[in-house]
Amino acid sequence: LAYLYGFEQFDLSEDDVDSETMNYMLL
């Protein structure tokens, strides 16, 4: 949904997810 509505690629990784990306997913 985020990509369809204009957001850029999120740095989601199956090995490691930084806290910033995690916070935005939670948002």
PDB file of all heavy atoms in Angstrom:
ATOM      1  N   LEU A   1       0.827  -1.200   0.000  1.00  0.00           N
ATOM      2  CA  LEU A   1       0.000   0.000   0.000  1.00  0.00           C
ATOM      3  C   LEU A   1       0.866   1.257   0.000  1.00  0.00           C
ATOM      4  O   LEU A   1       0.577   2.234  -0.693  1.00  0.00           O
ATOM      5  CB  LEU A   1      -0.941   0.001   1.208  1.00  0.00           C
ATOM      6  CG  LEU A   1      -2.022  -1.080   1.227  1.00  0.00           C
ATOM      7  CD1 LEU A   1      -2.872  -0.971   2.493  1.00  0.00           C
ATOM      8  CD2 LEU A   1      -2.921  -0.984  -0.004  1.00  0.00           C
ATOM      9  N   ALA A   2       1.930   1.226   0.788  1.00  0.00           N
ATOM     10  CA  ALA A   2       2.825   2.380   0.848  1.00  0.00           C
ATOM     11  C   ALA A   2       3.401   2.693  -0.530  1.00  0.00           C
ATOM     12  O   ALA A   2       3.455   3.863  -0.945  1.00  0.00           O
ATOM     13  CB  ALA A   2       3.947   2.120   1.850  1.00  0.00           C
ATOM     14  N   TYR A   3       3.814   1.679  -1.264  1.00  0.00           N
ATOM     15  CA  TYR A   3       4.430   1.908  -2.574  1.00  0.00           C
ATOM     16  C   TYR A   3       3.409   2.393  -3.594  1.00  0.00           C
ATOM     17  O   TYR A   3       3.715   3.250  -4.427  1.00  0.00           O
ATOM     18  CB  TYR A   3       5.115   0.626  -3.064  1.00  0.00           C
ATOM     19  CG  TYR A   3       6.214   0.149  -2.136  1.00  0.00           C
ATOM     20  CD1 TYR A   3       6.550  -1.199  -2.038  1.00  0.00           C
ATOM     21  CD2 TYR A   3       6.909   1.055  -1.330  1.00  0.00           C
ATOM     22  CE1 TYR A   3       7.553  -1.631  -1.174  1.00  0.00           C
ATOM     23  CE2 TYR A   3       7.909   0.621  -0.454  1.00  0.00           C
ATOM     24  CZ  TYR A   3       8.211  -0.717  -0.383  1.00  0.00           C
ATOM     25  OH  TYR A   3       9.203  -1.146   0.482  1.00  0.00           O
ATOM     26  N   LEU A   4       2.207   1.875  -3.530  1.00  0.00           N
ATOM     27  CA  LEU A   4       1.162   2.342  -4.444  1.00  0.00           C
ATOM     28  C   LEU A   4       0.815   3.807  -4.190  1.00  0.00           C
ATOM     29  O   LEU A   4       0.531   4.564  -5.133  1.00  0.00           O
ATOM     30  CB  LEU A   4      -0.100   1.485  -4.287  1.00  0.00           C
ATOM     31  CG  LEU A   4      -0.070   0.103  -4.934  1.00  0.00           C
ATOM     32  CD1 LEU A   4      -1.285  -0.711  -4.492  1.00  0.00           C
ATOM     33  CD2 LEU A   4      -0.043   0.229  -6.465  1.00  0.00           C
ATOM     34  N   TYR A   5       0.849   4.207  -2.934  1.00  0.00           N
ATOM     35  CA  TYR A   5       0.454   5.572  -2.584  1.00  0.00           C
ATOM     36  C   TYR A   5       1.637   6.533  -2.445  1.00  0.00           C
ATOM     37  O   TYR A   5       1.502   7.597  -1.860  1.00  0.00           O
ATOM     38  CB  TYR A   5      -0.407   5.555  -1.323  1.00  0.00           C
ATOM     39  CG  TYR A   5      -1.798   5.009  -1.611  1.00  0.00           C
ATOM     40  CD1 TYR A   5      -2.129   3.689  -1.304  1.00  0.00           C
ATOM     41  CD2 TYR A   5      -2.753   5.799  -2.229  1.00  0.00           C
ATOM     42  CE1 TYR A   5      -3.381   3.176  -1.606  1.00  0.00           C
ATOM     43  CE2 TYR A   5      -4.016   5.297  -2.533  1.00  0.00           C
ATOM     44  CZ  TYR A   5      -4.322   3.987  -2.218  1.00  0.00           C
ATOM     45  OH  TYR A   5      -5.565   3.489  -2.529  1.00  0.00           O
ATOM     46  N   GLY A   6       2.794   6.139  -3.000  1.00  0.00           N
ATOM     47  CA  GLY A   6       3.852   7.111  -3.202  1.00  0.00           C
ATOM     48  C   GLY A   6       5.094   7.031  -2.353  1.00  0.00           C
ATOM     49  O   GLY A   6       6.020   7.818  -2.550  1.00  0.00           O
ATOM     50  N   PHE A   7       5.164   6.105  -1.410  1.00  0.00           N
ATOM     51  CA  PHE A   7       6.349   6.015  -0.555  1.00  0.00           C
ATOM     52  C   PHE A   7       7.495   5.309  -1.279  1.00  0.00           C
ATOM     53  O   PHE A   7       7.268   4.521  -2.195  1.00  0.00           O
ATOM     54  CB  PHE A   7       6.026   5.273   0.742  1.00  0.00           C
ATOM     55  CG  PHE A   7       5.169   6.074   1.687  1.00  0.00           C
ATOM     56  CD1 PHE A   7       3.788   6.099   1.540  1.00  0.00           C
ATOM     57  CD2 PHE A   7       5.744   6.806   2.716  1.00  0.00           C
ATOM     58  CE1 PHE A   7       2.985   6.837   2.405  1.00  0.00           C
ATOM     59  CE2 PHE A   7       4.957   7.541   3.591  1.00  0.00           C
ATOM     60  CZ  PHE A   7       3.571   7.569   3.431  1.00  0.00           C
ATOM     61  N   GLU A   8       8.708   5.599  -0.833  1.00  0.00           N
ATOM     62  CA  GLU A   8       9.896   4.981  -1.410  1.00  0.00           C
ATOM     63  C   GLU A   8      10.143   3.614  -0.778  1.00  0.00           C
ATOM     64  O   GLU A   8       9.486   3.230   0.188  1.00  0.00           O
ATOM     65  CB  GLU A   8      11.103   5.901  -1.188  1.00  0.00           C
ATOM     66  CG  GLU A   8      10.952   7.268  -1.847  1.00  0.00           C
ATOM     67  CD  GLU A   8      12.126   8.178  -1.553  1.00  0.00           C
ATOM     68  OE1 GLU A   8      13.164   7.686  -1.084  1.00  0.00           O
ATOM     69  OE2 GLU A   8      12.000   9.393  -1.785  1.00  0.00           O
ATOM     70  N   GLN A   9      11.123   2.905  -1.341  1.00  0.00           N
ATOM     71  CA  GLN A   9      11.487   1.572  -0.839  1.00  0.00           C
ATOM     72  C   GLN A   9      11.916   1.637   0.622  1.00  0.00           C
ATOM     73  O   GLN A   9      12.727   2.480   1.004  1.00  0.00           O
ATOM     74  CB  GLN A   9      12.636   1.003  -1.670  1.00  0.00           C
ATOM     75  CG  GLN A   9      13.149  -0.353  -1.212  1.00  0.00           C
ATOM     76  CD  GLN A   9      12.247  -1.500  -1.637  1.00  0.00           C
ATOM     77  OE1 GLN A   9      11.853  -1.610  -2.786  1.00  0.00           O
ATOM     78  NE2 GLN A   9      11.910  -2.376  -0.691  1.00  0.00           N
ATOM     79  N   PHE A  10      11.346   0.758   1.439  1.00  0.00           N
ATOM     80  CA  PHE A  10      11.760   0.656   2.835  1.00  0.00           C
ATOM     81  C   PHE A  10      12.873  -0.382   2.954  1.00  0.00           C
ATOM     82  O   PHE A  10      12.885  -1.380   2.248  1.00  0.00           O
ATOM     83  CB  PHE A  10      10.581   0.271   3.724  1.00  0.00           C
ATOM     84  CG  PHE A  10       9.619   1.394   3.949  1.00  0.00           C
ATOM     85  CD1 PHE A  10       8.455   1.505   3.195  1.00  0.00           C
ATOM     86  CD2 PHE A  10       9.881   2.365   4.902  1.00  0.00           C
ATOM     87  CE1 PHE A  10       7.570   2.553   3.399  1.00  0.00           C
ATOM     88  CE2 PHE A  10       9.003   3.420   5.117  1.00  0.00           C
ATOM     89  CZ  PHE A  10       7.845   3.521   4.360  1.00  0.00           C
ATOM     90  N   ASP A  11      13.800  -0.111   3.852  1.00  0.00           N
ATOM     91  CA  ASP A  11      14.966  -0.985   4.019  1.00  0.00           C
ATOM     92  C   ASP A  11      14.616  -2.186   4.895  1.00  0.00           C
ATOM     93  O   ASP A  11      15.125  -2.346   6.011  1.00  0.00           O
ATOM     94  CB  ASP A  11      16.132  -0.204   4.633  1.00  0.00           C
ATOM     95  CG  ASP A  11      16.539   0.965   3.765  1.00  0.00           C
ATOM     96  OD1 ASP A  11      16.500   0.814   2.530  1.00  0.00           O
ATOM     97  OD2 ASP A  11      16.885   2.025   4.312  1.00  0.00           O
ATOM     98  N   LEU A  12      13.746  -3.020   4.373  1.00  0.00           N
ATOM     99  CA  LEU A  12      13.324  -4.212   5.109  1.00  0.00           C
ATOM    100  C   LEU A  12      14.185  -5.387   4.676  1.00  0.00           C
ATOM    101  O   LEU A  12      14.332  -5.651   3.489  1.00  0.00           O
ATOM    102  CB  LEU A  12      11.852  -4.504   4.817  1.00  0.00           C
ATOM    103  CG  LEU A  12      11.018  -5.089   5.943  1.00  0.00           C
ATOM    104  CD1 LEU A  12      10.893  -4.087   7.076  1.00  0.00           C
ATOM    105  CD2 LEU A  12       9.619  -5.446   5.437  1.00  0.00           C
ATOM    106  N   SER A  13      14.772  -6.060   5.632  1.00  0.00           N
ATOM    107  CA  SER A  13      15.639  -7.200   5.332  1.00  0.00           C
ATOM    108  C   SER A  13      15.265  -8.366   6.227  1.00  0.00           C
ATOM    109  O   SER A  13      14.928  -8.178   7.396  1.00  0.00           O
ATOM    110  CB  SER A  13      17.115  -6.835   5.559  1.00  0.00           C
ATOM    111  OG  SER A  13      17.926  -7.978   5.501  1.00  0.00           O
ATOM    112  N   GLU A  14      15.313  -9.562   5.659  1.00  0.00           N
ATOM    113  CA  GLU A  14      14.989 -10.754   6.446  1.00  0.00           C
ATOM    114  C   GLU A  14      16.090 -11.068   7.458  1.00  0.00           C
ATOM    115  O   GLU A  14      15.868 -11.793   8.413  1.00  0.00           O
ATOM    116  CB  GLU A  14      14.779 -11.951   5.505  1.00  0.00           C
ATOM    117  CG  GLU A  14      13.536 -11.807   4.630  1.00  0.00           C
ATOM    118  CD  GLU A  14      13.441 -12.898   3.579  1.00  0.00           C
ATOM    119  OE1 GLU A  14      14.245 -13.837   3.632  1.00  0.00           O
ATOM    120  OE2 GLU A  14      12.569 -12.803   2.701  1.00  0.00           O
ATOM    121  N   ASP A  15      17.280 -10.514   7.239  1.00  0.00           N
ATOM    122  CA  ASP A  15      18.396 -10.779   8.136  1.00  0.00           C
ATOM    123  C   ASP A  15      18.497  -9.749   9.259  1.00  0.00           C
ATOM    124  O   ASP A  15      18.770 -10.073  10.406  1.00  0.00           O
ATOM    125  CB  ASP A  15      19.716 -10.801   7.353  1.00  0.00           C
ATOM    126  CG  ASP A  15      19.731 -11.910   6.303  1.00  0.00           C
ATOM    127  OD1 ASP A  15      19.234 -13.002   6.612  1.00  0.00           O
ATOM    128  OD2 ASP A  15      20.207 -11.645   5.192  1.00  0.00           O
ATOM    129  N   ASP A  16      18.253  -8.482   8.915  1.00  0.00           N
ATOM    130  CA  ASP A  16      18.416  -7.433   9.919  1.00  0.00           C
ATOM    131  C   ASP A  16      17.548  -6.240   9.541  1.00  0.00           C
ATOM    132  O   ASP A  16      17.492  -5.854   8.378  1.00  0.00           O
ATOM    133  CB  ASP A  16      19.884  -7.004  10.008  1.00  0.00           C
ATOM    134  CG  ASP A  16      20.109  -5.981  11.108  1.00  0.00           C
ATOM    135  OD1 ASP A  16      19.508  -6.140  12.184  1.00  0.00           O
ATOM    136  OD2 ASP A  16      20.865  -5.024  10.877  1.00  0.00           O
ATOM    137  N   VAL A  17      16.861  -5.674  10.510  1.00  0.00           N
ATOM    138  CA  VAL A  17      16.012  -4.507  10.277  1.00  0.00           C
ATOM    139  C   VAL A  17      16.440  -3.418  11.240  1.00  0.00           C
ATOM    140  O   VAL A  17      16.454  -3.625  12.450  1.00  0.00           O
ATOM    141  CB  VAL A  17      14.514  -4.839  10.502  1.00  0.00           C
ATOM    142  CG1 VAL A  17      13.659  -3.603  10.257  1.00  0.00           C
ATOM    143  CG2 VAL A  17      14.078  -5.978   9.592  1.00  0.00           C
ATOM    144  N   ASP A  18      16.818  -2.257  10.692  1.00  0.00           N
ATOM    145  CA  ASP A  18      17.253  -1.189  11.583  1.00  0.00           C
ATOM    146  C   ASP A  18      16.066  -0.603  12.338  1.00  0.00           C
ATOM    147  O   ASP A  18      14.913  -0.727  11.901  1.00  0.00           O
ATOM    148  CB  ASP A  18      18.000  -0.094  10.805  1.00  0.00           C
ATOM    149  CG  ASP A  18      17.132   0.561   9.749  1.00  0.00           C
ATOM    150  OD1 ASP A  18      16.219   1.321  10.117  1.00  0.00           O
ATOM    151  OD2 ASP A  18      17.365   0.320   8.551  1.00  0.00           O
ATOM    152  N   SER A  19      16.344   0.037  13.455  1.00  0.00           N
ATOM    153  CA  SER A  19      15.287   0.540  14.326  1.00  0.00           C
ATOM    154  C   SER A  19      14.442   1.596  13.632  1.00  0.00           C
ATOM    155  O   SER A  19      13.231   1.707  13.883  1.00  0.00           O
ATOM    156  CB  SER A  19      15.893   1.123  15.606  1.00  0.00           C
ATOM    157  OG  SER A  19      16.790   2.174  15.316  1.00  0.00           O
ATOM    158  N   GLU A  20      15.042   2.369  12.740  1.00  0.00           N
ATOM    159  CA  GLU A  20      14.299   3.412  12.035  1.00  0.00           C
ATOM    160  C   GLU A  20      13.221   2.811  11.143  1.00  0.00           C
ATOM    161  O   GLU A  20      12.068   3.259  11.140  1.00  0.00           O
ATOM    162  CB  GLU A  20      15.272   4.247  11.201  1.00  0.00           C
ATOM    163  CG  GLU A  20      14.651   5.522  10.637  1.00  0.00           C
ATOM    164  CD  GLU A  20      15.707   6.386   9.953  1.00  0.00           C
ATOM    165  OE1 GLU A  20      16.175   5.987   8.864  1.00  0.00           O
ATOM    166  OE2 GLU A  20      16.074   7.434  10.509  1.00  0.00           O
ATOM    167  N   THR A  21      13.601   1.784  10.377  1.00  0.00           N
ATOM    168  CA  THR A  21      12.634   1.109   9.517  1.00  0.00           C
ATOM    169  C   THR A  21      11.543   0.453  10.350  1.00  0.00           C
ATOM    170  O   THR A  21      10.356   0.515  10.010  1.00  0.00           O
ATOM    171  CB  THR A  21      13.329   0.047   8.647  1.00  0.00           C
ATOM    172  OG1 THR A  21      14.301   0.690   7.819  1.00  0.00           O
ATOM    173  CG2 THR A  21      12.334  -0.684   7.766  1.00  0.00           C
ATOM    174  N   MET A  22      11.940  -0.176  11.456  1.00  0.00           N
ATOM    175  CA  MET A  22      10.973  -0.806  12.345  1.00  0.00           C
ATOM    176  C   MET A  22       9.967   0.220  12.867  1.00  0.00           C
ATOM    177  O   MET A  22       8.750  -0.034  12.897  1.00  0.00           O
ATOM    178  CB  MET A  22      11.694  -1.456  13.523  1.00  0.00           C
ATOM    179  CG  MET A  22      10.768  -2.127  14.523  1.00  0.00           C
ATOM    180  SD  MET A  22      10.059  -3.641  13.896  1.00  0.00           S
ATOM    181  CE  MET A  22      11.402  -4.780  14.224  1.00  0.00           C
ATOM    182  N   ASN A  23      10.452   1.401  13.229  1.00  0.00           N
ATOM    183  CA  ASN A  23       9.559   2.439  13.739  1.00  0.00           C
ATOM    184  C   ASN A  23       8.531   2.865  12.695  1.00  0.00           C
ATOM    185  O   ASN A  23       7.359   3.094  13.015  1.00  0.00           O
ATOM    186  CB  ASN A  23      10.367   3.653  14.197  1.00  0.00           C
ATOM    187  CG  ASN A  23      11.095   3.409  15.503  1.00  0.00           C
ATOM    188  OD1 ASN A  23      10.748   2.503  16.252  1.00  0.00           O
ATOM    189  ND2 ASN A  23      12.108   4.203  15.782  1.00  0.00           N
ATOM    190  N   TYR A  24       8.972   2.976  11.445  1.00  0.00           N
ATOM    191  CA  TYR A  24       8.031   3.386  10.404  1.00  0.00           C
ATOM    192  C   TYR A  24       7.037   2.288  10.069  1.00  0.00           C
ATOM    193  O   TYR A  24       5.870   2.577   9.762  1.00  0.00           O
ATOM    194  CB  TYR A  24       8.785   3.897   9.166  1.00  0.00           C
ATOM    195  CG  TYR A  24       9.262   5.307   9.396  1.00  0.00           C
ATOM    196  CD1 TYR A  24      10.544   5.568   9.854  1.00  0.00           C
ATOM    197  CD2 TYR A  24       8.392   6.378   9.261  1.00  0.00           C
ATOM    198  CE1 TYR A  24      10.962   6.865  10.134  1.00  0.00           C
ATOM    199  CE2 TYR A  24       8.797   7.671   9.543  1.00  0.00           C
ATOM    200  CZ  TYR A  24      10.083   7.908   9.973  1.00  0.00           C
ATOM    201  OH  TYR A  24      10.487   9.184  10.269  1.00  0.00           O
ATOM    202  N   MET A  25       7.458   1.043  10.147  1.00  0.00           N
ATOM    203  CA  MET A  25       6.506  -0.048   9.967  1.00  0.00           C
ATOM    204  C   MET A  25       5.449  -0.005  11.079  1.00  0.00           C
ATOM    205  O   MET A  25       4.259  -0.198  10.842  1.00  0.00           O
ATOM    206  CB  MET A  25       7.232  -1.399   9.984  1.00  0.00           C
ATOM    207  CG  MET A  25       8.082  -1.700   8.756  1.00  0.00           C
ATOM    208  SD  MET A  25       7.127  -1.824   7.224  1.00  0.00           S
ATOM    209  CE  MET A  25       7.475  -0.219   6.484  1.00  0.00           C
ATOM    210  N   LEU A  26       5.901   0.271  12.295  1.00  0.00           N
ATOM    211  CA  LEU A  26       4.973   0.375  13.432  1.00  0.00           C
ATOM    212  C   LEU A  26       4.023   1.556  13.251  1.00  0.00           C
ATOM    213  O   LEU A  26       2.857   1.491  13.651  1.00  0.00           O
ATOM    214  CB  LEU A  26       5.762   0.525  14.730  1.00  0.00           C
ATOM    215  CG  LEU A  26       6.392  -0.755  15.278  1.00  0.00           C
ATOM    216  CD1 LEU A  26       7.374  -0.439  16.408  1.00  0.00           C
ATOM    217  CD2 LEU A  26       5.330  -1.725  15.773  1.00  0.00           C
ATOM    218  N   LEU A  27       4.510   2.626  12.646  1.00  0.00           N
ATOM    219  CA  LEU A  27       3.662   3.794  12.414  1.00  0.00           C
ATOM    220  C   LEU A  27       2.527   3.440  11.453  1.00  0.00           C
ATOM    221  O   LEU A  27       1.358   3.778  11.700  1.00  0.00           O
ATOM    222  CB  LEU A  27       4.510   4.931  11.832  1.00  0.00           C
ATOM    223  CG  LEU A  27       3.937   6.349  11.930  1.00  0.00           C
ATOM    224  CD1 LEU A  27       3.654   6.720  13.374  1.00  0.00           C
ATOM    225  CD2 LEU A  27       4.926   7.342  11.301  1.00  0.00           C
TER     226      LEU A  27
END
